[in-house]
Amino acid sequence: MKKTNKNTEQVEVMALFGYEMTPCQPLTFRRRGESETEVTELLRTQIKFVGGVALHIFDVLVGREKMRLEFNSRDLSWHLTQH
């Protein structure tokens, strides 16, 4: 996936799959060279289809900061965007 925003970076995510009514919930993420960051709250989820690829989008709070985690279903990568 090409980076389209300078504030977007690839991250490692620990997520819980198949939990109650939410099929996927990101719990923590790790930036390269940094320690784990805990997701405080899941605000919204959506799926966006781009050229045959499903992007699973998670708007989250980390403390008081809004961030977006995107899961690319083609290459199974996670990307973080700060708002």
PDB file of N, CA and C in Angstrom:
ATOM      1  N   MET A   1       0.843  -1.179   0.000  1.00  0.00           N
ATOM      2  CA  MET A   1       0.000   0.000   0.000  1.00  0.00           C
ATOM      3  C   MET A   1       0.883   1.235   0.000  1.00  0.00           C
ATOM      4  N   LYS A   2       0.625   2.143  -0.901  1.00  0.00           N
ATOM      5  CA  LYS A   2       1.410   3.364  -0.976  1.00  0.00           C
ATOM      6  C   LYS A   2       1.003   4.316   0.133  1.00  0.00           C
ATOM      7  N   LYS A   3       1.989   5.054   0.632  1.00  0.00           N
ATOM      8  CA  LYS A   3       1.689   6.066   1.618  1.00  0.00           C
ATOM      9  C   LYS A   3       1.142   7.280   0.896  1.00  0.00           C
ATOM     10  N   THR A   4      -0.048   7.702   1.278  1.00  0.00           N
ATOM     11  CA  THR A   4      -0.676   8.847   0.637  1.00  0.00           C
ATOM     12  C   THR A   4      -0.683  10.058   1.549  1.00  0.00           C
ATOM     13  N   ASN A   5      -0.236   9.894   2.778  1.00  0.00           N
ATOM     14  CA  ASN A   5      -0.268  10.953   3.751  1.00  0.00           C
ATOM     15  C   ASN A   5       1.030  10.887   4.541  1.00  0.00           C
ATOM     16  N   LYS A   6       1.681  12.027   4.734  1.00  0.00           N
ATOM     17  CA  LYS A   6       2.945  12.038   5.468  1.00  0.00           C
ATOM     18  C   LYS A   6       2.775  11.584   6.909  1.00  0.00           C
ATOM     19  N   ASN A   7       1.566  11.683   7.456  1.00  0.00           N
ATOM     20  CA  ASN A   7       1.316  11.292   8.832  1.00  0.00           C
ATOM     21  C   ASN A   7       0.940   9.827   8.961  1.00  0.00           C
ATOM     22  N   THR A   8       1.054   9.048   7.888  1.00  0.00           N
ATOM     23  CA  THR A   8       0.700   7.637   7.916  1.00  0.00           C
ATOM     24  C   THR A   8       1.962   6.794   8.017  1.00  0.00           C
ATOM     25  N   GLU A   9       1.917   5.810   8.929  1.00  0.00           N
ATOM     26  CA  GLU A   9       3.063   4.912   9.082  1.00  0.00           C
ATOM     27  C   GLU A   9       2.565   3.501   9.339  1.00  0.00           C
ATOM     28  N   GLN A  10       3.351   2.533   8.912  1.00  0.00           N
ATOM     29  CA  GLN A  10       3.003   1.135   9.153  1.00  0.00           C
ATOM     30  C   GLN A  10       3.315   0.799  10.605  1.00  0.00           C
ATOM     31  N   VAL A  11       2.388   0.081  11.245  1.00  0.00           N
ATOM     32  CA  VAL A  11       2.536  -0.302  12.648  1.00  0.00           C
ATOM     33  C   VAL A  11       2.177  -1.772  12.835  1.00  0.00           C
ATOM     34  N   GLU A  12       2.584  -2.331  13.972  1.00  0.00           N
ATOM     35  CA  GLU A  12       2.167  -3.674  14.376  1.00  0.00           C
ATOM     36  C   GLU A  12       0.997  -3.499  15.332  1.00  0.00           C
ATOM     37  N   VAL A  13      -0.049  -4.298  15.152  1.00  0.00           N
ATOM     38  CA  VAL A  13      -1.258  -4.163  15.971  1.00  0.00           C
ATOM     39  C   VAL A  13      -1.601  -5.491  16.629  1.00  0.00           C
ATOM     40  N   MET A  14      -1.982  -5.420  17.905  1.00  0.00           N
ATOM     41  CA  MET A  14      -2.566  -6.562  18.591  1.00  0.00           C
ATOM     42  C   MET A  14      -4.063  -6.282  18.616  1.00  0.00           C
ATOM     43  N   ALA A  15      -4.834  -7.209  18.042  1.00  0.00           N
ATOM     44  CA  ALA A  15      -6.281  -7.014  17.942  1.00  0.00           C
ATOM     45  C   ALA A  15      -7.012  -8.245  18.444  1.00  0.00           C
ATOM     46  N   LEU A  16      -8.227  -8.018  18.887  1.00  0.00           N
ATOM     47  CA  LEU A  16      -9.110  -9.076  19.344  1.00  0.00           C
ATOM     48  C   LEU A  16     -10.130  -9.324  18.241  1.00  0.00           C
ATOM     49  N   PHE A  17     -10.195 -10.557  17.755  1.00  0.00           N
ATOM     50  CA  PHE A  17     -11.104 -10.890  16.663  1.00  0.00           C
ATOM     51  C   PHE A  17     -12.289 -11.687  17.189  1.00  0.00           C
ATOM     52  N   GLY A  18     -13.480 -11.397  16.642  1.00  0.00           N
ATOM     53  CA  GLY A  18     -14.681 -12.156  16.973  1.00  0.00           C
ATOM     54  C   GLY A  18     -15.208 -11.896  18.359  1.00  0.00           C
ATOM     55  N   TYR A  19     -15.108 -10.668  18.844  1.00  0.00           N
ATOM     56  CA  TYR A  19     -15.557 -10.320  20.184  1.00  0.00           C
ATOM     57  C   TYR A  19     -16.943  -9.685  20.126  1.00  0.00           C
ATOM     58  N   GLU A  20     -17.932 -10.342  20.698  1.00  0.00           N
ATOM     59  CA  GLU A  20     -19.313  -9.867  20.763  1.00  0.00           C
ATOM     60  C   GLU A  20     -19.779  -9.357  19.399  1.00  0.00           C
ATOM     61  N   MET A  21     -20.254  -8.130  19.326  1.00  0.00           N
ATOM     62  CA  MET A  21     -20.785  -7.578  18.074  1.00  0.00           C
ATOM     63  C   MET A  21     -19.705  -6.926  17.211  1.00  0.00           C
ATOM     64  N   THR A  22     -18.482  -6.838  17.723  1.00  0.00           N
ATOM     65  CA  THR A  22     -17.386  -6.230  16.971  1.00  0.00           C
ATOM     66  C   THR A  22     -16.496  -7.343  16.436  1.00  0.00           C
ATOM     67  N   PRO A  23     -16.448  -7.526  15.112  1.00  0.00           N
ATOM     68  CA  PRO A  23     -15.642  -8.625  14.569  1.00  0.00           C
ATOM     69  C   PRO A  23     -14.137  -8.448  14.782  1.00  0.00           C
ATOM     70  N   CYS A  24     -13.675  -7.202  14.925  1.00  0.00           N
ATOM     71  CA  CYS A  24     -12.260  -6.937  15.161  1.00  0.00           C
ATOM     72  C   CYS A  24     -12.139  -5.668  15.992  1.00  0.00           C
ATOM     73  N   GLN A  25     -11.289  -5.719  17.010  1.00  0.00           N
ATOM     74  CA  GLN A  25     -11.061  -4.546  17.844  1.00  0.00           C
ATOM     75  C   GLN A  25      -9.573  -4.415  18.130  1.00  0.00           C
ATOM     76  N   PRO A  26      -8.921  -3.353  17.633  1.00  0.00           N
ATOM     77  CA  PRO A  26      -7.510  -3.146  17.945  1.00  0.00           C
ATOM     78  C   PRO A  26      -7.335  -2.802  19.421  1.00  0.00           C
ATOM     79  N   LEU A  27      -6.388  -3.467  20.073  1.00  0.00           N
ATOM     80  CA  LEU A  27      -6.146  -3.249  21.502  1.00  0.00           C
ATOM     81  C   LEU A  27      -4.901  -2.405  21.755  1.00  0.00           C
ATOM     82  N   THR A  28      -3.820  -2.727  21.051  1.00  0.00           N
ATOM     83  CA  THR A  28      -2.570  -1.974  21.176  1.00  0.00           C
ATOM     84  C   THR A  28      -1.904  -1.895  19.798  1.00  0.00           C
ATOM     85  N   PHE A  29      -0.974  -0.950  19.662  1.00  0.00           N
ATOM     86  CA  PHE A  29      -0.156  -0.891  18.450  1.00  0.00           C
ATOM     87  C   PHE A  29       1.255  -0.493  18.840  1.00  0.00           C
ATOM     88  N   ARG A  30       2.183  -0.815  17.939  1.00  0.00           N
ATOM     89  CA  ARG A  30       3.593  -0.522  18.193  1.00  0.00           C
ATOM     90  C   ARG A  30       4.194   0.111  16.943  1.00  0.00           C
ATOM     91  N   ARG A  31       4.744   1.297  17.144  1.00  0.00           N
ATOM     92  CA  ARG A  31       5.512   1.946  16.074  1.00  0.00           C
ATOM     93  C   ARG A  31       6.914   1.366  16.062  1.00  0.00           C
ATOM     94  N   ARG A  32       7.564   1.463  14.934  1.00  0.00           N
ATOM     95  CA  ARG A  32       8.926   0.939  14.810  1.00  0.00           C
ATOM     96  C   ARG A  32       9.847   1.589  15.839  1.00  0.00           C
ATOM     97  N   GLY A  33      10.501   0.739  16.630  1.00  0.00           N
ATOM     98  CA  GLY A  33      11.465   1.230  17.601  1.00  0.00           C
ATOM     99  C   GLY A  33      10.854   1.790  18.879  1.00  0.00           C
ATOM    100  N   GLU A  34       9.548   1.670  19.069  1.00  0.00           N
ATOM    101  CA  GLU A  34       8.898   2.207  20.261  1.00  0.00           C
ATOM    102  C   GLU A  34       8.177   1.101  21.021  1.00  0.00           C
ATOM    103  N   SER A  35       7.752   1.407  22.228  1.00  0.00           N
ATOM    104  CA  SER A  35       7.005   0.430  23.022  1.00  0.00           C
ATOM    105  C   SER A  35       5.531   0.452  22.620  1.00  0.00           C
ATOM    106  N   GLU A  36       4.778  -0.527  23.135  1.00  0.00           N
ATOM    107  CA  GLU A  36       3.363  -0.636  22.800  1.00  0.00           C
ATOM    108  C   GLU A  36       2.572   0.560  23.312  1.00  0.00           C
ATOM    109  N   THR A  37       1.561   0.936  22.521  1.00  0.00           N
ATOM    110  CA  THR A  37       0.640   2.005  22.892  1.00  0.00           C
ATOM    111  C   THR A  37      -0.746   1.399  22.990  1.00  0.00           C
ATOM    112  N   GLU A  38      -1.433   1.659  24.090  1.00  0.00           N
ATOM    113  CA  GLU A  38      -2.760   1.089  24.309  1.00  0.00           C
ATOM    114  C   GLU A  38      -3.849   1.956  23.682  1.00  0.00           C
ATOM    115  N   VAL A  39      -4.784   1.299  23.003  1.00  0.00           N
ATOM    116  CA  VAL A  39      -5.957   1.978  22.469  1.00  0.00           C
ATOM    117  C   VAL A  39      -6.932   2.154  23.634  1.00  0.00           C
ATOM    118  N   THR A  40      -7.296   3.397  23.927  1.00  0.00           N
ATOM    119  CA  THR A  40      -8.172   3.701  25.047  1.00  0.00           C
ATOM    120  C   THR A  40      -9.632   3.395  24.729  1.00  0.00           C
ATOM    121  N   GLU A  41     -10.055   3.751  23.511  1.00  0.00           N
ATOM    122  CA  GLU A  41     -11.459   3.566  23.146  1.00  0.00           C
ATOM    123  C   GLU A  41     -11.600   3.405  21.637  1.00  0.00           C
ATOM    124  N   LEU A  42     -12.483   2.510  21.226  1.00  0.00           N
ATOM    125  CA  LEU A  42     -12.838   2.339  19.820  1.00  0.00           C
ATOM    126  C   LEU A  42     -14.025   3.250  19.548  1.00  0.00           C
ATOM    127  N   LEU A  43     -13.851   4.230  18.649  1.00  0.00           N
ATOM    128  CA  LEU A  43     -14.899   5.205  18.375  1.00  0.00           C
ATOM    129  C   LEU A  43     -15.828   4.775  17.247  1.00  0.00           C
ATOM    130  N   ARG A  44     -15.235   4.277  16.152  1.00  0.00           N
ATOM    131  CA  ARG A  44     -16.030   3.955  14.971  1.00  0.00           C
ATOM    132  C   ARG A  44     -15.271   2.991  14.093  1.00  0.00           C
ATOM    133  N   THR A  45     -16.008   2.141  13.394  1.00  0.00           N
ATOM    134  CA  THR A  45     -15.392   1.243  12.411  1.00  0.00           C
ATOM    135  C   THR A  45     -16.126   1.383  11.093  1.00  0.00           C
ATOM    136  N   GLN A  46     -15.402   1.152  10.007  1.00  0.00           N
ATOM    137  CA  GLN A  46     -16.015   1.152   8.684  1.00  0.00           C
ATOM    138  C   GLN A  46     -15.138   0.339   7.735  1.00  0.00           C
ATOM    139  N   ILE A  47     -15.725  -0.063   6.642  1.00  0.00           N
ATOM    140  CA  ILE A  47     -14.984  -0.768   5.601  1.00  0.00           C
ATOM    141  C   ILE A  47     -15.083   0.048   4.328  1.00  0.00           C
ATOM    142  N   LYS A  48     -13.937   0.253   3.688  1.00  0.00           N
ATOM    143  CA  LYS A  48     -13.873   1.021   2.446  1.00  0.00           C
ATOM    144  C   LYS A  48     -13.229   0.121   1.398  1.00  0.00           C
ATOM    145  N   PHE A  49     -13.853   0.010   0.236  1.00  0.00           N
ATOM    146  CA  PHE A  49     -13.312  -0.813  -0.845  1.00  0.00           C
ATOM    147  C   PHE A  49     -12.601   0.081  -1.850  1.00  0.00           C
ATOM    148  N   VAL A  50     -11.322  -0.216  -2.080  1.00  0.00           N
ATOM    149  CA  VAL A  50     -10.500   0.568  -2.998  1.00  0.00           C
ATOM    150  C   VAL A  50      -9.858  -0.400  -3.980  1.00  0.00           C
ATOM    151  N   GLY A  51     -10.347  -0.404  -5.215  1.00  0.00           N
ATOM    152  CA  GLY A  51      -9.760  -1.250  -6.248  1.00  0.00           C
ATOM    153  C   GLY A  51      -9.702  -2.721  -5.884  1.00  0.00           C
ATOM    154  N   GLY A  52     -10.738  -3.257  -5.318  1.00  0.00           N
ATOM    155  CA  GLY A  52     -10.777  -4.666  -4.973  1.00  0.00           C
ATOM    156  C   GLY A  52     -10.135  -5.021  -3.644  1.00  0.00           C
ATOM    157  N   VAL A  53      -9.657  -4.017  -2.925  1.00  0.00           N
ATOM    158  CA  VAL A  53      -9.047  -4.231  -1.617  1.00  0.00           C
ATOM    159  C   VAL A  53      -9.978  -3.654  -0.551  1.00  0.00           C
ATOM    160  N   ALA A  54     -10.244  -4.441   0.472  1.00  0.00           N
ATOM    161  CA  ALA A  54     -11.046  -3.950   1.592  1.00  0.00           C
ATOM    162  C   ALA A  54     -10.115  -3.330   2.629  1.00  0.00           C
ATOM    163  N   LEU A  55     -10.369  -2.067   2.954  1.00  0.00           N
ATOM    164  CA  LEU A  55      -9.651  -1.397   4.033  1.00  0.00           C
ATOM    165  C   LEU A  55     -10.586  -1.342   5.228  1.00  0.00           C
ATOM    166  N   HIS A  56     -10.176  -1.948   6.313  1.00  0.00           N
ATOM    167  CA  HIS A  56     -10.947  -1.927   7.549  1.00  0.00           C
ATOM    168  C   HIS A  56     -10.413  -0.759   8.372  1.00  0.00           C
ATOM    169  N   ILE A  57     -11.267   0.222   8.625  1.00  0.00           N
ATOM    170  CA  ILE A  57     -10.857   1.483   9.236  1.00  0.00           C
ATOM    171  C   ILE A  57     -11.398   1.563  10.657  1.00  0.00           C
ATOM    172  N   PHE A  58     -10.512   1.881  11.598  1.00  0.00           N
ATOM    173  CA  PHE A  58     -10.859   1.981  13.007  1.00  0.00           C
ATOM    174  C   PHE A  58     -10.455   3.355  13.517  1.00  0.00           C
ATOM    175  N   ASP A  59     -11.433   4.177  13.876  1.00  0.00           N
ATOM    176  CA  ASP A  59     -11.150   5.451  14.528  1.00  0.00           C
ATOM    177  C   ASP A  59     -11.085   5.167  16.023  1.00  0.00           C
ATOM    178  N   VAL A  60      -9.960   5.532  16.640  1.00  0.00           N
ATOM    179  CA  VAL A  60      -9.716   5.195  18.037  1.00  0.00           C
ATOM    180  C   VAL A  60      -9.238   6.411  18.821  1.00  0.00           C
ATOM    181  N   LEU A  61      -9.336   6.300  20.132  1.00  0.00           N
ATOM    182  CA  LEU A  61      -8.729   7.267  21.037  1.00  0.00           C
ATOM    183  C   LEU A  61      -7.540   6.611  21.704  1.00  0.00           C
ATOM    184  N   VAL A  62      -6.466   7.367  21.798  1.00  0.00           N
ATOM    185  CA  VAL A  62      -5.288   6.974  22.566  1.00  0.00           C
ATOM    186  C   VAL A  62      -5.091   8.112  23.558  1.00  0.00           C
ATOM    187  N   GLY A  63      -5.514   7.874  24.791  1.00  0.00           N
ATOM    188  CA  GLY A  63      -5.590   8.985  25.747  1.00  0.00           C
ATOM    189  C   GLY A  63      -6.694   9.918  25.276  1.00  0.00           C
ATOM    190  N   ARG A  64      -6.329  11.140  24.942  1.00  0.00           N
ATOM    191  CA  ARG A  64      -7.299  12.106  24.396  1.00  0.00           C
ATOM    192  C   ARG A  64      -7.070  12.382  22.919  1.00  0.00           C
ATOM    193  N   GLU A  65      -6.117  11.689  22.331  1.00  0.00           N
ATOM    194  CA  GLU A  65      -5.746  11.922  20.931  1.00  0.00           C
ATOM    195  C   GLU A  65      -6.494  10.970  20.001  1.00  0.00           C
ATOM    196  N   LYS A  66      -7.129  11.530  18.964  1.00  0.00           N
ATOM    197  CA  LYS A  66      -7.822  10.719  17.958  1.00  0.00           C
ATOM    198  C   LYS A  66      -6.816  10.222  16.932  1.00  0.00           C
ATOM    199  N   MET A  67      -6.927   8.937  16.627  1.00  0.00           N
ATOM    200  CA  MET A  67      -6.066   8.322  15.621  1.00  0.00           C
ATOM    201  C   MET A  67      -6.905   7.384  14.776  1.00  0.00           C
ATOM    202  N   ARG A  68      -6.352   6.982  13.649  1.00  0.00           N
ATOM    203  CA  ARG A  68      -7.031   6.042  12.763  1.00  0.00           C
ATOM    204  C   ARG A  68      -6.081   4.896  12.455  1.00  0.00           C
ATOM    205  N   LEU A  69      -6.568   3.677  12.661  1.00  0.00           N
ATOM    206  CA  LEU A  69      -5.845   2.475  12.270  1.00  0.00           C
ATOM    207  C   LEU A  69      -6.559   1.869  11.075  1.00  0.00           C
ATOM    208  N   GLU A  70      -5.806   1.514  10.046  1.00  0.00           N
ATOM    209  CA  GLU A  70      -6.379   0.898   8.845  1.00  0.00           C
ATOM    210  C   GLU A  70      -5.722  -0.453   8.615  1.00  0.00           C
ATOM    211  N   PHE A  71      -6.556  -1.457   8.382  1.00  0.00           N
ATOM    212  CA  PHE A  71      -6.077  -2.801   8.078  1.00  0.00           C
ATOM    213  C   PHE A  71      -6.325  -3.074   6.604  1.00  0.00           C
ATOM    214  N   ASN A  72      -5.261  -3.392   5.868  1.00  0.00           N
ATOM    215  CA  ASN A  72      -5.343  -3.683   4.440  1.00  0.00           C
ATOM    216  C   ASN A  72      -5.529  -5.187   4.266  1.00  0.00           C
ATOM    217  N   SER A  73      -6.666  -5.583   3.694  1.00  0.00           N
ATOM    218  CA  SER A  73      -6.984  -7.010   3.570  1.00  0.00           C
ATOM    219  C   SER A  73      -6.140  -7.725   2.519  1.00  0.00           C
ATOM    220  N   ARG A  74      -5.505  -6.998   1.624  1.00  0.00           N
ATOM    221  CA  ARG A  74      -4.677  -7.635   0.594  1.00  0.00           C
ATOM    222  C   ARG A  74      -3.324  -8.062   1.151  1.00  0.00           C
ATOM    223  N   ASP A  75      -2.612  -7.116   1.763  1.00  0.00           N
ATOM    224  CA  ASP A  75      -1.263  -7.459   2.239  1.00  0.00           C
ATOM    225  C   ASP A  75      -1.201  -7.645   3.761  1.00  0.00           C
ATOM    226  N   LEU A  76      -2.360  -7.593   4.420  1.00  0.00           N
ATOM    227  CA  LEU A  76      -2.480  -7.823   5.864  1.00  0.00           C
ATOM    228  C   LEU A  76      -1.646  -6.867   6.703  1.00  0.00           C
ATOM    229  N   SER A  77      -1.492  -5.641   6.222  1.00  0.00           N
ATOM    230  CA  SER A  77      -0.714  -4.643   6.945  1.00  0.00           C
ATOM    231  C   SER A  77      -1.644  -3.654   7.669  1.00  0.00           C
ATOM    232  N   TRP A  78      -1.111  -3.090   8.738  1.00  0.00           N
ATOM    233  CA  TRP A  78      -1.812  -2.057   9.508  1.00  0.00           C
ATOM    234  C   TRP A  78      -1.069  -0.732   9.327  1.00  0.00           C
ATOM    235  N   HIS A  79      -1.854   0.346   9.208  1.00  0.00           N
ATOM    236  CA  HIS A  79      -1.276   1.685   9.100  1.00  0.00           C
ATOM    237  C   HIS A  79      -1.962   2.621  10.095  1.00  0.00           C
ATOM    238  N   LEU A  80      -1.188   3.528  10.669  1.00  0.00           N
ATOM    239  CA  LEU A  80      -1.666   4.481  11.654  1.00  0.00           C
ATOM    240  C   LEU A  80      -1.656   5.874  11.043  1.00  0.00           C
ATOM    241  N   THR A  81      -2.737   6.609  11.237  1.00  0.00           N
ATOM    242  CA  THR A  81      -2.820   8.002  10.819  1.00  0.00           C
ATOM    243  C   THR A  81      -3.243   8.832  12.018  1.00  0.00           C
ATOM    244  N   GLN A  82      -2.475   9.878  12.312  1.00  0.00           N
ATOM    245  CA  GLN A  82      -2.845  10.782  13.398  1.00  0.00           C
ATOM    246  C   GLN A  82      -3.660  11.920  12.815  1.00  0.00           C
ATOM    247  N   HIS A  83      -4.717  12.294  13.517  1.00  0.00           N
ATOM    248  CA  HIS A  83      -5.585  13.389  13.047  1.00  0.00           C
ATOM    249  C   HIS A  83      -5.084  14.710  13.561  1.00  0.00           C
TER     250      HIS A  83
END
